[in-house]
C-alpha cells in the first residue's frame, strides 16, 4: 500500500494541509491550492460576483434612466405642441 502525499499548492508552492487541496479557480485553471491561499481565492471569487452584480445593476439603471428620459421627452414634446396650438 502506497502512502499518498499531500499535493503542492499551485499558488504559493507549499504543501497543502489536506490530501485533496482546494480549487484555485479563477486564479489558476489547473492544480490545487492550500487552505491559506484558498482564502485569497474566495475573496477574488466574491469580488468577481460583486463586479457582475454591479454591472447588472448599472445596466438596469441605464435602461430605467433611458426609459424615464424618453417619457420626459414625450411629455415635453406634447407640451410644446400645446403651446404652439395656443
Protein backbone atom coordinates (compact mmCIF):
# COMPACT_ATOMS: atom_id res chain seq x y z
CA UNK A 1 0.00 0.00 0.00
CA UNK A 2 1.44 3.36 -1.06
CA UNK A 3 1.30 6.43 1.12
CA UNK A 4 -0.30 9.40 -0.62
CA UNK A 5 1.47 12.69 -0.04
CA UNK A 6 -0.34 15.99 0.08
CA UNK A 7 -0.28 17.96 -3.18
CA UNK A 8 1.74 21.12 -3.74
CA UNK A 9 -0.17 24.42 -3.87
CA UNK A 10 -0.11 25.88 -7.38
CA UNK A 11 -0.14 29.44 -5.97
CA UNK A 12 2.45 29.50 -3.18
CA UNK A 13 4.19 26.16 -3.95
CA UNK A 14 3.92 24.97 -0.33
CA UNK A 15 2.48 21.59 0.61
CA UNK A 16 -1.30 21.54 1.12
CA UNK A 17 -2.66 20.70 4.58
CA UNK A 18 -5.11 18.09 3.29
CA UNK A 19 -4.63 15.33 0.71
CA UNK A 20 -7.01 16.89 -1.81
CA UNK A 21 -6.36 20.66 -1.72
CA UNK A 22 -8.80 23.33 -2.87
CA UNK A 23 -9.98 24.60 -6.23
CA UNK A 24 -7.79 27.59 -7.23
CA UNK A 25 -10.08 28.97 -9.94
CA UNK A 26 -10.23 31.81 -11.06
CA UNK A 27 -6.55 32.40 -10.18
CA UNK A 28 -5.33 29.16 -11.81
CA UNK A 29 -7.10 26.79 -14.17
CA UNK A 30 -5.19 23.66 -13.13
CA UNK A 31 -3.83 22.31 -9.89
CA UNK A 32 -4.93 22.72 -6.28
CA UNK A 33 -4.28 25.36 -3.64
CA UNK A 34 -3.63 25.18 0.09
CA UNK A 35 -6.02 26.41 2.76
CA UNK A 36 -4.11 29.66 3.22
CA UNK A 37 -4.24 30.55 -0.48
CA UNK A 38 -7.86 29.40 -0.66
CA UNK A 39 -8.77 32.44 1.47
CA UNK A 40 -7.44 34.68 -1.29
CA UNK A 41 -9.22 32.63 -3.96
CA UNK A 42 -12.53 33.04 -2.11
CA UNK A 43 -12.04 36.82 -1.83
CA UNK A 44 -11.36 37.03 -5.57
CA UNK A 45 -14.47 34.97 -6.33
CA UNK A 46 -16.59 37.23 -4.12
CA UNK A 47 -15.11 40.29 -5.81
CA UNK A 48 -15.98 38.88 -9.22
CA UNK A 49 -19.54 38.19 -8.08
CA UNK A 50 -19.85 41.76 -6.78
CA UNK A 51 -18.48 43.08 -10.07
CA UNK A 52 -21.03 41.07 -12.07
CA UNK A 53 -23.84 42.30 -9.80
CA UNK A 54 -22.66 45.90 -10.18
CA UNK A 55 -22.61 45.57 -13.99
CA UNK A 56 -26.13 44.08 -13.87
CA UNK A 57 -27.45 46.94 -11.73
CA UNK A 58 -25.73 49.59 -13.84
CA UNK A 59 -27.26 48.09 -16.97
CA UNK A 60 -30.74 48.08 -15.40
CA UNK A 61 -30.32 51.63 -14.11
CA UNK A 62 -29.34 52.77 -17.60
CA UNK A 63 -32.45 51.10 -19.04
CA UNK A 64 -34.63 52.79 -16.41
CA UNK A 65 -32.95 56.14 -16.99
CA UNK A 66 -33.34 55.89 -20.77
CA UNK A 67 -36.99 54.92 -20.35
CA UNK A 68 -37.56 57.86 -17.98
CA UNK A 69 -35.83 60.29 -20.32
CA UNK A 70 -37.89 59.08 -23.29
CA UNK A 71 -41.08 59.66 -21.29
CA UNK A 72 -39.85 63.12 -20.31
CA UNK A 73 -39.06 63.94 -23.94
CA UNK A 74 -42.52 62.77 -24.99
CA UNK A 75 -44.11 64.97 -22.32
CA UNK A 76 -42.02 67.96 -23.34
CA UNK A 77 -42.90 67.50 -27.00
CA UNK A 78 -46.62 67.27 -26.08
CA UNK A 79 -46.32 70.48 -24.05
CA UNK A 80 -44.56 72.17 -26.97
CA UNK A 81 -47.39 71.15 -29.26
CA UNK A 82 -49.94 72.54 -26.81
CA UNK A 83 -48.05 75.85 -26.62
CA UNK A 84 -47.87 76.03 -30.41
CA UNK A 85 -51.61 75.40 -30.70
CA UNK A 86 -52.37 78.34 -28.42
